PDB file of all heavy atoms in Angstrom:
ATOM      1  N   GLN A   1      31.963  35.191 -16.811  1.00  0.00           N
ATOM      2  CA  GLN A   1      31.686  33.818 -16.413  1.00  0.00           C
ATOM      3  C   GLN A   1      30.384  33.751 -15.623  1.00  0.00           C
ATOM      4  O   GLN A   1      29.938  34.732 -15.019  1.00  0.00           O
ATOM      5  CB  GLN A   1      32.838  33.295 -15.545  1.00  0.00           C
ATOM      6  CG  GLN A   1      34.124  33.041 -16.315  1.00  0.00           C
ATOM      7  CD  GLN A   1      35.168  32.334 -15.475  1.00  0.00           C
ATOM      8  OE1 GLN A   1      35.204  32.495 -14.250  1.00  0.00           O
ATOM      9  NE2 GLN A   1      36.013  31.545 -16.108  1.00  0.00           N
ATOM     10  N   ARG A   2      29.789  32.578 -15.644  1.00  0.00           N
ATOM     11  CA  ARG A   2      28.589  32.359 -14.857  1.00  0.00           C
ATOM     12  C   ARG A   2      28.965  32.413 -13.380  1.00  0.00           C
ATOM     13  O   ARG A   2      29.977  31.849 -12.960  1.00  0.00           O
ATOM     14  CB  ARG A   2      27.964  31.019 -15.207  1.00  0.00           C
ATOM     15  CG  ARG A   2      26.583  30.808 -14.658  1.00  0.00           C
ATOM     16  CD  ARG A   2      25.955  29.528 -15.191  1.00  0.00           C
ATOM     17  NE  ARG A   2      25.783  29.569 -16.634  1.00  0.00           N
ATOM     18  CZ  ARG A   2      25.105  28.641 -17.317  1.00  0.00           C
ATOM     19  NH1 ARG A   2      24.545  27.625 -16.684  1.00  0.00           N
ATOM     20  NH2 ARG A   2      25.004  28.718 -18.622  1.00  0.00           N
ATOM     21  N   GLU A   3      28.126  33.102 -12.592  1.00  0.00           N
ATOM     22  CA  GLU A   3      28.421  33.259 -11.185  1.00  0.00           C
ATOM     23  C   GLU A   3      27.206  32.943 -10.329  1.00  0.00           C
ATOM     24  O   GLU A   3      26.063  33.115 -10.763  1.00  0.00           O
ATOM     25  CB  GLU A   3      28.883  34.699 -10.892  1.00  0.00           C
ATOM     26  CG  GLU A   3      27.848  35.755 -11.191  1.00  0.00           C
ATOM     27  CD  GLU A   3      28.272  37.162 -10.782  1.00  0.00           C
ATOM     28  OE1 GLU A   3      29.395  37.329 -10.284  1.00  0.00           O
ATOM     29  OE2 GLU A   3      27.455  38.081 -10.960  1.00  0.00           O
ATOM     30  N   LEU A   4      27.480  32.519  -9.113  1.00  0.00           N
ATOM     31  CA  LEU A   4      26.408  32.252  -8.161  1.00  0.00           C
ATOM     32  C   LEU A   4      25.770  33.567  -7.726  1.00  0.00           C
ATOM     33  O   LEU A   4      26.470  34.518  -7.380  1.00  0.00           O
ATOM     34  CB  LEU A   4      26.959  31.521  -6.945  1.00  0.00           C
ATOM     35  CG  LEU A   4      25.988  31.342  -5.779  1.00  0.00           C
ATOM     36  CD1 LEU A   4      24.884  30.357  -6.142  1.00  0.00           C
ATOM     37  CD2 LEU A   4      26.729  30.862  -4.531  1.00  0.00           C
ATOM     38  N   VAL A   5      24.448  33.592  -7.732  1.00  0.00           N
ATOM     39  CA  VAL A   5      23.709  34.735  -7.202  1.00  0.00           C
ATOM     40  C   VAL A   5      23.208  34.405  -5.802  1.00  0.00           C
ATOM     41  O   VAL A   5      23.463  35.146  -4.851  1.00  0.00           O
ATOM     42  CB  VAL A   5      22.516  35.094  -8.109  1.00  0.00           C
ATOM     43  CG1 VAL A   5      21.711  36.230  -7.493  1.00  0.00           C
ATOM     44  CG2 VAL A   5      22.995  35.452  -9.513  1.00  0.00           C
ATOM     45  N   ALA A   6      22.491  33.304  -5.690  1.00  0.00           N
ATOM     46  CA  ALA A   6      21.946  32.897  -4.397  1.00  0.00           C
ATOM     47  C   ALA A   6      21.641  31.412  -4.437  1.00  0.00           C
ATOM     48  O   ALA A   6      21.319  30.864  -5.493  1.00  0.00           O
ATOM     49  CB  ALA A   6      20.687  33.687  -4.059  1.00  0.00           C
ATOM     50  N   LYS A   7      21.728  30.799  -3.262  1.00  0.00           N
ATOM     51  CA  LYS A   7      21.504  29.369  -3.157  1.00  0.00           C
ATOM     52  C   LYS A   7      20.809  29.091  -1.845  1.00  0.00           C
ATOM     53  O   LYS A   7      21.093  29.745  -0.836  1.00  0.00           O
ATOM     54  CB  LYS A   7      22.850  28.657  -3.208  1.00  0.00           C
ATOM     55  CG  LYS A   7      22.819  27.156  -3.211  1.00  0.00           C
ATOM     56  CD  LYS A   7      24.255  26.644  -3.369  1.00  0.00           C
ATOM     57  CE  LYS A   7      24.330  25.165  -3.439  1.00  0.00           C
ATOM     58  NZ  LYS A   7      25.713  24.677  -3.641  1.00  0.00           N
ATOM     59  N   ILE A   8      19.875  28.134  -1.862  1.00  0.00           N
ATOM     60  CA  ILE A   8      19.181  27.770  -0.634  1.00  0.00           C
ATOM     61  C   ILE A   8      19.253  26.261  -0.476  1.00  0.00           C
ATOM     62  O   ILE A   8      18.960  25.503  -1.405  1.00  0.00           O
ATOM     63  CB  ILE A   8      17.724  28.287  -0.631  1.00  0.00           C
ATOM     64  CG1 ILE A   8      17.050  27.967   0.704  1.00  0.00           C
ATOM     65  CG2 ILE A   8      16.922  27.761  -1.813  1.00  0.00           C
ATOM     66  CD1 ILE A   8      15.751  28.746   0.916  1.00  0.00           C
ATOM     67  N   ILE A   9      19.671  25.849   0.709  1.00  0.00           N
ATOM     68  CA  ILE A   9      19.837  24.436   1.008  1.00  0.00           C
ATOM     69  C   ILE A   9      18.517  23.902   1.565  1.00  0.00           C
ATOM     70  O   ILE A   9      17.660  24.674   2.000  1.00  0.00           O
ATOM     71  CB  ILE A   9      20.974  24.240   2.029  1.00  0.00           C
ATOM     72  CG1 ILE A   9      22.212  25.038   1.611  1.00  0.00           C
ATOM     73  CG2 ILE A   9      21.326  22.751   2.171  1.00  0.00           C
ATOM     74  CD1 ILE A   9      22.748  24.672   0.240  1.00  0.00           C
ATOM     75  N   ARG A  10      18.388  22.591   1.573  1.00  0.00           N
ATOM     76  CA  ARG A  10      17.143  21.975   2.005  1.00  0.00           C
ATOM     77  C   ARG A  10      16.755  22.387   3.427  1.00  0.00           C
ATOM     78  O   ARG A  10      15.577  22.517   3.735  1.00  0.00           O
ATOM     79  CB  ARG A  10      17.249  20.453   1.912  1.00  0.00           C
ATOM     80  CG  ARG A  10      15.934  19.750   2.183  1.00  0.00           C
ATOM     81  CD  ARG A  10      16.008  18.270   1.865  1.00  0.00           C
ATOM     82  NE  ARG A  10      14.719  17.632   2.048  1.00  0.00           N
ATOM     83  CZ  ARG A  10      13.755  17.626   1.146  1.00  0.00           C
ATOM     84  NH1 ARG A  10      13.956  18.218  -0.022  1.00  0.00           N
ATOM     85  NH2 ARG A  10      12.620  17.032   1.389  1.00  0.00           N
ATOM     86  N   ASP A  11      17.763  22.635   4.274  1.00  0.00           N
ATOM     87  CA  ASP A  11      17.450  23.009   5.657  1.00  0.00           C
ATOM     88  C   ASP A  11      17.064  24.482   5.785  1.00  0.00           C
ATOM     89  O   ASP A  11      16.803  24.967   6.884  1.00  0.00           O
ATOM     90  CB  ASP A  11      18.626  22.691   6.584  1.00  0.00           C
ATOM     91  CG  ASP A  11      19.885  23.494   6.235  1.00  0.00           C
ATOM     92  OD1 ASP A  11      19.846  24.322   5.315  1.00  0.00           O
ATOM     93  OD2 ASP A  11      20.916  23.271   6.896  1.00  0.00           O
ATOM     94  N   GLY A  12      17.072  25.185   4.654  1.00  0.00           N
ATOM     95  CA  GLY A  12      16.689  26.589   4.657  1.00  0.00           C
ATOM     96  C   GLY A  12      17.831  27.573   4.707  1.00  0.00           C
ATOM     97  O   GLY A  12      17.615  28.780   4.561  1.00  0.00           O
ATOM     98  N   SER A  13      19.037  27.107   4.930  1.00  0.00           N
ATOM     99  CA  SER A  13      20.178  28.018   4.963  1.00  0.00           C
ATOM    100  C   SER A  13      20.435  28.574   3.565  1.00  0.00           C
ATOM    101  O   SER A  13      20.141  27.911   2.560  1.00  0.00           O
ATOM    102  CB  SER A  13      21.421  27.312   5.495  1.00  0.00           C
ATOM    103  OG  SER A  13      21.738  26.186   4.700  1.00  0.00           O
ATOM    104  N   THR A  14      20.960  29.774   3.514  1.00  0.00           N
ATOM    105  CA  THR A  14      21.132  30.475   2.245  1.00  0.00           C
ATOM    106  C   THR A  14      22.546  31.031   2.076  1.00  0.00           C
ATOM    107  O   THR A  14      23.239  31.313   3.052  1.00  0.00           O
ATOM    108  CB  THR A  14      20.137  31.641   2.129  1.00  0.00           C
ATOM    109  OG1 THR A  14      20.315  32.523   3.235  1.00  0.00           O
ATOM    110  CG2 THR A  14      18.700  31.135   2.109  1.00  0.00           C
ATOM    111  N   ASN A  15      22.938  31.190   0.836  1.00  0.00           N
ATOM    112  CA  ASN A  15      24.181  31.863   0.473  1.00  0.00           C
ATOM    113  C   ASN A  15      23.858  32.908  -0.581  1.00  0.00           C
ATOM    114  O   ASN A  15      23.042  32.657  -1.474  1.00  0.00           O
ATOM    115  CB  ASN A  15      25.197  30.880  -0.132  1.00  0.00           C
ATOM    116  CG  ASN A  15      25.683  29.861   0.863  1.00  0.00           C
ATOM    117  OD1 ASN A  15      25.839  30.160   2.038  1.00  0.00           O
ATOM    118  ND2 ASN A  15      25.931  28.656   0.397  1.00  0.00           N
ATOM    119  N   TYR A  16      24.501  34.058  -0.487  1.00  0.00           N
ATOM    120  CA  TYR A  16      24.291  35.127  -1.463  1.00  0.00           C
ATOM    121  C   TYR A  16      25.634  35.658  -1.946  1.00  0.00           C
ATOM    122  O   TYR A  16      26.600  35.735  -1.185  1.00  0.00           O
ATOM    123  CB  TYR A  16      23.519  36.292  -0.853  1.00  0.00           C
ATOM    124  CG  TYR A  16      22.083  36.010  -0.515  1.00  0.00           C
ATOM    125  CD1 TYR A  16      21.709  35.603   0.758  1.00  0.00           C
ATOM    126  CD2 TYR A  16      21.088  36.149  -1.480  1.00  0.00           C
ATOM    127  CE1 TYR A  16      20.393  35.333   1.071  1.00  0.00           C
ATOM    128  CE2 TYR A  16      19.760  35.900  -1.174  1.00  0.00           C
ATOM    129  CZ  TYR A  16      19.414  35.492   0.105  1.00  0.00           C
ATOM    130  OH  TYR A  16      18.098  35.240   0.406  1.00  0.00           O
ATOM    131  N   ALA A  17      25.651  36.071  -3.193  1.00  0.00           N
ATOM    132  CA  ALA A  17      26.806  36.818  -3.669  1.00  0.00           C
ATOM    133  C   ALA A  17      26.841  38.162  -2.942  1.00  0.00           C
ATOM    134  O   ALA A  17      25.786  38.745  -2.652  1.00  0.00           O
ATOM    135  CB  ALA A  17      26.704  37.046  -5.177  1.00  0.00           C
ATOM    136  N   ASP A  18      28.022  38.648  -2.655  1.00  0.00           N
ATOM    137  CA  ASP A  18      28.139  39.921  -1.937  1.00  0.00           C
ATOM    138  C   ASP A  18      27.420  41.048  -2.674  1.00  0.00           C
ATOM    139  O   ASP A  18      26.855  41.944  -2.054  1.00  0.00           O
ATOM    140  CB  ASP A  18      29.619  40.287  -1.749  1.00  0.00           C
ATOM    141  CG  ASP A  18      30.309  39.405  -0.727  1.00  0.00           C
ATOM    142  OD1 ASP A  18      29.610  38.747   0.069  1.00  0.00           O
ATOM    143  OD2 ASP A  18      31.553  39.367  -0.721  1.00  0.00           O
ATOM    144  N   SER A  19      27.429  40.991  -3.989  1.00  0.00           N
ATOM    145  CA  SER A  19      26.861  42.072  -4.794  1.00  0.00           C
ATOM    146  C   SER A  19      25.342  42.174  -4.691  1.00  0.00           C
ATOM    147  O   SER A  19      24.761  43.196  -5.073  1.00  0.00           O
ATOM    148  CB  SER A  19      27.264  41.898  -6.260  1.00  0.00           C
ATOM    149  OG  SER A  19      26.798  40.660  -6.758  1.00  0.00           O
ATOM    150  N   VAL A  20      24.697  41.121  -4.187  1.00  0.00           N
ATOM    151  CA  VAL A  20      23.231  41.137  -4.126  1.00  0.00           C
ATOM    152  C   VAL A  20      22.696  41.097  -2.696  1.00  0.00           C
ATOM    153  O   VAL A  20      21.476  41.196  -2.494  1.00  0.00           O
ATOM    154  CB  VAL A  20      22.613  39.985  -4.937  1.00  0.00           C
ATOM    155  CG1 VAL A  20      23.157  39.992  -6.364  1.00  0.00           C
ATOM    156  CG2 VAL A  20      22.844  38.638  -4.276  1.00  0.00           C
ATOM    157  N   LYS A  21      23.572  40.956  -1.732  1.00  0.00           N
ATOM    158  CA  LYS A  21      23.120  40.890  -0.335  1.00  0.00           C
ATOM    159  C   LYS A  21      22.343  42.151   0.035  1.00  0.00           C
ATOM    160  O   LYS A  21      22.746  43.262  -0.276  1.00  0.00           O
ATOM    161  CB  LYS A  21      24.324  40.734   0.590  1.00  0.00           C
ATOM    162  CG  LYS A  21      24.915  39.338   0.594  1.00  0.00           C
ATOM    163  CD  LYS A  21      26.097  39.239   1.552  1.00  0.00           C
ATOM    164  CE  LYS A  21      26.687  37.840   1.553  1.00  0.00           C
ATOM    165  NZ  LYS A  21      27.878  37.730   2.427  1.00  0.00           N
ATOM    166  N   GLY A  22      21.211  41.934   0.690  1.00  0.00           N
ATOM    167  CA  GLY A  22      20.370  43.060   1.085  1.00  0.00           C
ATOM    168  C   GLY A  22      19.390  43.503   0.023  1.00  0.00           C
ATOM    169  O   GLY A  22      18.493  44.293   0.305  1.00  0.00           O
ATOM    170  N   ARG A  23      19.565  43.006  -1.202  1.00  0.00           N
ATOM    171  CA  ARG A  23      18.652  43.402  -2.286  1.00  0.00           C
ATOM    172  C   ARG A  23      17.860  42.207  -2.816  1.00  0.00           C
ATOM    173  O   ARG A  23      16.719  42.355  -3.241  1.00  0.00           O
ATOM    174  CB  ARG A  23      19.448  44.023  -3.441  1.00  0.00           C
ATOM    175  CG  ARG A  23      20.214  45.267  -3.066  1.00  0.00           C
ATOM    176  CD  ARG A  23      20.837  45.938  -4.307  1.00  0.00           C
ATOM    177  NE  ARG A  23      21.805  45.102  -4.980  1.00  0.00           N
ATOM    178  CZ  ARG A  23      21.710  44.713  -6.259  1.00  0.00           C
ATOM    179  NH1 ARG A  23      20.664  45.090  -6.986  1.00  0.00           N
ATOM    180  NH2 ARG A  23      22.645  43.959  -6.803  1.00  0.00           N
ATOM    181  N   PHE A  24      18.481  41.028  -2.830  1.00  0.00           N
ATOM    182  CA  PHE A  24      17.832  39.830  -3.355  1.00  0.00           C
ATOM    183  C   PHE A  24      17.492  38.887  -2.201  1.00  0.00           C
ATOM    184  O   PHE A  24      18.232  38.801  -1.216  1.00  0.00           O
ATOM    185  CB  PHE A  24      18.747  39.098  -4.318  1.00  0.00           C
ATOM    186  CG  PHE A  24      19.014  39.810  -5.622  1.00  0.00           C
ATOM    187  CD1 PHE A  24      18.640  41.123  -5.837  1.00  0.00           C
ATOM    188  CD2 PHE A  24      19.670  39.139  -6.658  1.00  0.00           C
ATOM    189  CE1 PHE A  24      18.890  41.759  -7.035  1.00  0.00           C
ATOM    190  CE2 PHE A  24      19.934  39.766  -7.857  1.00  0.00           C
ATOM    191  CZ  PHE A  24      19.553  41.084  -8.043  1.00  0.00           C
ATOM    192  N   THR A  25      16.388  38.172  -2.371  1.00  0.00           N
ATOM    193  CA  THR A  25      15.989  37.178  -1.375  1.00  0.00           C
ATOM    194  C   THR A  25      15.605  35.892  -2.091  1.00  0.00           C
ATOM    195  O   THR A  25      14.753  35.907  -2.983  1.00  0.00           O
ATOM    196  CB  THR A  25      14.800  37.664  -0.538  1.00  0.00           C
ATOM    197  OG1 THR A  25      15.136  38.892   0.099  1.00  0.00           O
ATOM    198  CG2 THR A  25      14.441  36.632   0.518  1.00  0.00           C
ATOM    199  N   ILE A  26      16.221  34.800  -1.691  1.00  0.00           N
ATOM    200  CA  ILE A  26      15.882  33.505  -2.256  1.00  0.00           C
ATOM    201  C   ILE A  26      14.997  32.744  -1.282  1.00  0.00           C
ATOM    202  O   ILE A  26      15.172  32.841  -0.061  1.00  0.00           O
ATOM    203  CB  ILE A  26      17.159  32.694  -2.598  1.00  0.00           C
ATOM    204  CG1 ILE A  26      16.805  31.448  -3.421  1.00  0.00           C
ATOM    205  CG2 ILE A  26      17.937  32.322  -1.338  1.00  0.00           C
ATOM    206  CD1 ILE A  26      18.012  30.749  -4.012  1.00  0.00           C
ATOM    207  N   SER A  27      14.032  32.022  -1.826  1.00  0.00           N
ATOM    208  CA  SER A  27      13.155  31.201  -0.992  1.00  0.00           C
ATOM    209  C   SER A  27      12.746  29.980  -1.798  1.00  0.00           C
ATOM    210  O   SER A  27      12.927  29.931  -3.018  1.00  0.00           O
ATOM    211  CB  SER A  27      11.921  31.996  -0.551  1.00  0.00           C
ATOM    212  OG  SER A  27      11.176  32.428  -1.679  1.00  0.00           O
ATOM    213  N   ARG A  28      12.225  28.988  -1.120  1.00  0.00           N
ATOM    214  CA  ARG A  28      11.802  27.781  -1.818  1.00  0.00           C
ATOM    215  C   ARG A  28      10.568  27.197  -1.179  1.00  0.00           C
ATOM    216  O   ARG A  28      10.327  27.373   0.017  1.00  0.00           O
ATOM    217  CB  ARG A  28      12.940  26.756  -1.875  1.00  0.00           C
ATOM    218  CG  ARG A  28      13.367  26.196  -0.544  1.00  0.00           C
ATOM    219  CD  ARG A  28      14.594  25.301  -0.661  1.00  0.00           C
ATOM    220  NE  ARG A  28      14.266  23.976  -1.170  1.00  0.00           N
ATOM    221  CZ  ARG A  28      15.146  23.001  -1.323  1.00  0.00           C
ATOM    222  NH1 ARG A  28      16.419  23.215  -1.037  1.00  0.00           N
ATOM    223  NH2 ARG A  28      14.787  21.815  -1.776  1.00  0.00           N
ATOM    224  N   ASP A  29       9.810  26.496  -2.007  1.00  0.00           N
ATOM    225  CA  ASP A  29       8.651  25.748  -1.570  1.00  0.00           C
ATOM    226  C   ASP A  29       8.971  24.287  -1.832  1.00  0.00           C
ATOM    227  O   ASP A  29       8.903  23.826  -2.971  1.00  0.00           O
ATOM    228  CB  ASP A  29       7.411  26.208  -2.340  1.00  0.00           C
ATOM    229  CG  ASP A  29       6.137  25.551  -1.855  1.00  0.00           C
ATOM    230  OD1 ASP A  29       6.221  24.428  -1.315  1.00  0.00           O
ATOM    231  OD2 ASP A  29       5.063  26.137  -2.036  1.00  0.00           O
ATOM    232  N   ASN A  30       9.363  23.573  -0.793  1.00  0.00           N
ATOM    233  CA  ASN A  30       9.784  22.179  -0.971  1.00  0.00           C
ATOM    234  C   ASN A  30       8.656  21.299  -1.499  1.00  0.00           C
ATOM    235  O   ASN A  30       8.891  20.378  -2.279  1.00  0.00           O
ATOM    236  CB  ASN A  30      10.303  21.612   0.352  1.00  0.00           C
ATOM    237  CG  ASN A  30      11.628  22.216   0.761  1.00  0.00           C
ATOM    238  OD1 ASN A  30      12.418  22.644  -0.086  1.00  0.00           O
ATOM    239  ND2 ASN A  30      11.889  22.275   2.055  1.00  0.00           N
ATOM    240  N   ALA A  31       7.432  21.599  -1.088  1.00  0.00           N
ATOM    241  CA  ALA A  31       6.296  20.780  -1.528  1.00  0.00           C
ATOM    242  C   ALA A  31       6.074  20.912  -3.030  1.00  0.00           C
ATOM    243  O   ALA A  31       5.599  19.981  -3.678  1.00  0.00           O
ATOM    244  CB  ALA A  31       5.048  21.175  -0.764  1.00  0.00           C
ATOM    245  N   LYS A  32       6.432  22.072  -3.580  1.00  0.00           N
ATOM    246  CA  LYS A  32       6.225  22.320  -5.012  1.00  0.00           C
ATOM    247  C   LYS A  32       7.513  22.206  -5.815  1.00  0.00           C
ATOM    248  O   LYS A  32       7.516  22.456  -7.018  1.00  0.00           O
ATOM    249  CB  LYS A  32       5.621  23.709  -5.220  1.00  0.00           C
ATOM    250  CG  LYS A  32       4.239  23.896  -4.627  1.00  0.00           C
ATOM    251  CD  LYS A  32       3.710  25.294  -4.910  1.00  0.00           C
ATOM    252  CE  LYS A  32       2.312  25.481  -4.349  1.00  0.00           C
ATOM    253  NZ  LYS A  32       1.784  26.845  -4.607  1.00  0.00           N
ATOM    254  N   ASN A  33       8.615  21.880  -5.146  1.00  0.00           N
ATOM    255  CA  ASN A  33       9.914  21.819  -5.846  1.00  0.00           C
ATOM    256  C   ASN A  33      10.198  23.118  -6.591  1.00  0.00           C
ATOM    257  O   ASN A  33      10.698  23.103  -7.727  1.00  0.00           O
ATOM    258  CB  ASN A  33       9.965  20.645  -6.832  1.00  0.00           C
ATOM    259  CG  ASN A  33      10.412  19.352  -6.177  1.00  0.00           C
ATOM    260  OD1 ASN A  33      10.536  19.276  -4.961  1.00  0.00           O
ATOM    261  ND2 ASN A  33      10.643  18.340  -6.978  1.00  0.00           N
ATOM    262  N   THR A  34       9.874  24.227  -5.973  1.00  0.00           N
ATOM    263  CA  THR A  34       9.992  25.529  -6.628  1.00  0.00           C
ATOM    264  C   THR A  34      10.891  26.455  -5.816  1.00  0.00           C
ATOM    265  O   THR A  34      10.801  26.486  -4.580  1.00  0.00           O
ATOM    266  CB  THR A  34       8.614  26.175  -6.808  1.00  0.00           C
ATOM    267  OG1 THR A  34       7.802  25.312  -7.618  1.00  0.00           O
ATOM    268  CG2 THR A  34       8.725  27.522  -7.499  1.00  0.00           C
ATOM    269  N   VAL A  35      11.720  27.186  -6.532  1.00  0.00           N
ATOM    270  CA  VAL A  35      12.592  28.182  -5.906  1.00  0.00           C
ATOM    271  C   VAL A  35      12.282  29.549  -6.499  1.00  0.00           C
ATOM    272  O   VAL A  35      11.960  29.655  -7.687  1.00  0.00           O
ATOM    273  CB  VAL A  35      14.080  27.819  -6.092  1.00  0.00           C
ATOM    274  CG1 VAL A  35      14.485  27.806  -7.556  1.00  0.00           C
ATOM    275  CG2 VAL A  35      14.976  28.746  -5.274  1.00  0.00           C
ATOM    276  N   TYR A  36      12.351  30.561  -5.659  1.00  0.00           N
ATOM    277  CA  TYR A  36      12.040  31.923  -6.064  1.00  0.00           C
ATOM    278  C   TYR A  36      13.243  32.836  -5.790  1.00  0.00           C
ATOM    279  O   TYR A  36      14.002  32.598  -4.851  1.00  0.00           O
ATOM    280  CB  TYR A  36      10.830  32.461  -5.294  1.00  0.00           C
ATOM    281  CG  TYR A  36       9.619  31.578  -5.371  1.00  0.00           C
ATOM    282  CD1 TYR A  36       9.346  30.643  -4.377  1.00  0.00           C
ATOM    283  CD2 TYR A  36       8.730  31.674  -6.438  1.00  0.00           C
ATOM    284  CE1 TYR A  36       8.239  29.824  -4.436  1.00  0.00           C
ATOM    285  CE2 TYR A  36       7.610  30.860  -6.508  1.00  0.00           C
ATOM    286  CZ  TYR A  36       7.366  29.937  -5.506  1.00  0.00           C
ATOM    287  OH  TYR A  36       6.275  29.126  -5.577  1.00  0.00           O
ATOM    288  N   LEU A  37      13.354  33.863  -6.584  1.00  0.00           N
ATOM    289  CA  LEU A  37      14.363  34.892  -6.330  1.00  0.00           C
ATOM    290  C   LEU A  37      13.673  36.252  -6.447  1.00  0.00           C
ATOM    291  O   LEU A  37      13.301  36.672  -7.542  1.00  0.00           O
ATOM    292  CB  LEU A  37      15.521  34.798  -7.320  1.00  0.00           C
ATOM    293  CG  LEU A  37      16.677  35.774  -7.043  1.00  0.00           C
ATOM    294  CD1 LEU A  37      17.402  35.382  -5.752  1.00  0.00           C
ATOM    295  CD2 LEU A  37      17.662  35.802  -8.215  1.00  0.00           C
ATOM    296  N   GLN A  38      13.488  36.888  -5.307  1.00  0.00           N
ATOM    297  CA  GLN A  38      12.918  38.229  -5.286  1.00  0.00           C
ATOM    298  C   GLN A  38      14.071  39.225  -5.403  1.00  0.00           C
ATOM    299  O   GLN A  38      14.978  39.225  -4.567  1.00  0.00           O
ATOM    300  CB  GLN A  38      12.150  38.466  -3.999  1.00  0.00           C
ATOM    301  CG  GLN A  38      11.549  39.856  -3.884  1.00  0.00           C
ATOM    302  CD  GLN A  38      10.458  40.119  -4.886  1.00  0.00           C
ATOM    303  OE1 GLN A  38       9.506  39.348  -4.998  1.00  0.00           O
ATOM    304  NE2 GLN A  38      10.586  41.203  -5.655  1.00  0.00           N
ATOM    305  N   MET A  39      14.026  40.050  -6.431  1.00  0.00           N
ATOM    306  CA  MET A  39      15.103  40.998  -6.687  1.00  0.00           C
ATOM    307  C   MET A  39      14.560  42.414  -6.551  1.00  0.00           C
ATOM    308  O   MET A  39      13.592  42.778  -7.235  1.00  0.00           O
ATOM    309  CB  MET A  39      15.673  40.787  -8.097  1.00  0.00           C
ATOM    310  CG  MET A  39      16.155  39.364  -8.356  1.00  0.00           C
ATOM    311  SD  MET A  39      16.927  39.150  -9.956  1.00  0.00           S
ATOM    312  CE  MET A  39      15.518  39.355 -11.026  1.00  0.00           C
ATOM    313  N   LYS A  40      15.162  43.191  -5.678  1.00  0.00           N
ATOM    314  CA  LYS A  40      14.748  44.565  -5.459  1.00  0.00           C
ATOM    315  C   LYS A  40      15.935  45.498  -5.680  1.00  0.00           C
ATOM    316  O   LYS A  40      17.080  45.072  -5.690  1.00  0.00           O
ATOM    317  CB  LYS A  40      14.205  44.734  -4.040  1.00  0.00           C
ATOM    318  CG  LYS A  40      12.976  43.911  -3.746  1.00  0.00           C
ATOM    319  CD  LYS A  40      12.489  44.132  -2.315  1.00  0.00           C
ATOM    320  CE  LYS A  40      11.230  43.316  -2.028  1.00  0.00           C
ATOM    321  NZ  LYS A  40      10.743  43.519  -0.634  1.00  0.00           N
ATOM    322  N   SER A  41      15.643  46.771  -5.809  1.00  0.00           N
ATOM    323  CA  SER A  41      16.691  47.786  -6.016  1.00  0.00           C
ATOM    324  C   SER A  41      17.648  47.354  -7.123  1.00  0.00           C
ATOM    325  O   SER A  41      18.869  47.409  -6.969  1.00  0.00           O
ATOM    326  CB  SER A  41      17.460  48.027  -4.716  1.00  0.00           C
ATOM    327  OG  SER A  41      16.589  48.447  -3.690  1.00  0.00           O
ATOM    328  N   LEU A  42      17.086  46.925  -8.215  1.00  0.00           N
ATOM    329  CA  LEU A  42      17.903  46.409  -9.312  1.00  0.00           C
ATOM    330  C   LEU A  42      18.790  47.480  -9.907  1.00  0.00           C
ATOM    331  O   LEU A  42      18.402  48.663  -9.977  1.00  0.00           O
ATOM    332  CB  LEU A  42      17.013  45.796 -10.387  1.00  0.00           C
ATOM    333  CG  LEU A  42      16.475  44.399 -10.035  1.00  0.00           C
ATOM    334  CD1 LEU A  42      15.256  44.054 -10.865  1.00  0.00           C
ATOM    335  CD2 LEU A  42      17.559  43.348 -10.215  1.00  0.00           C
TER     336      LEU A  42
END
């Protein structure tokens, strides 16, 4: 099934799946309406 990896709220708060904590980082640029997911130690 489709699962949540990471989510970032407008105030900057974030949620991560336990399986990716410490390896993935989510960020967003509100001015550009863009969200990024940096994935390391894949």
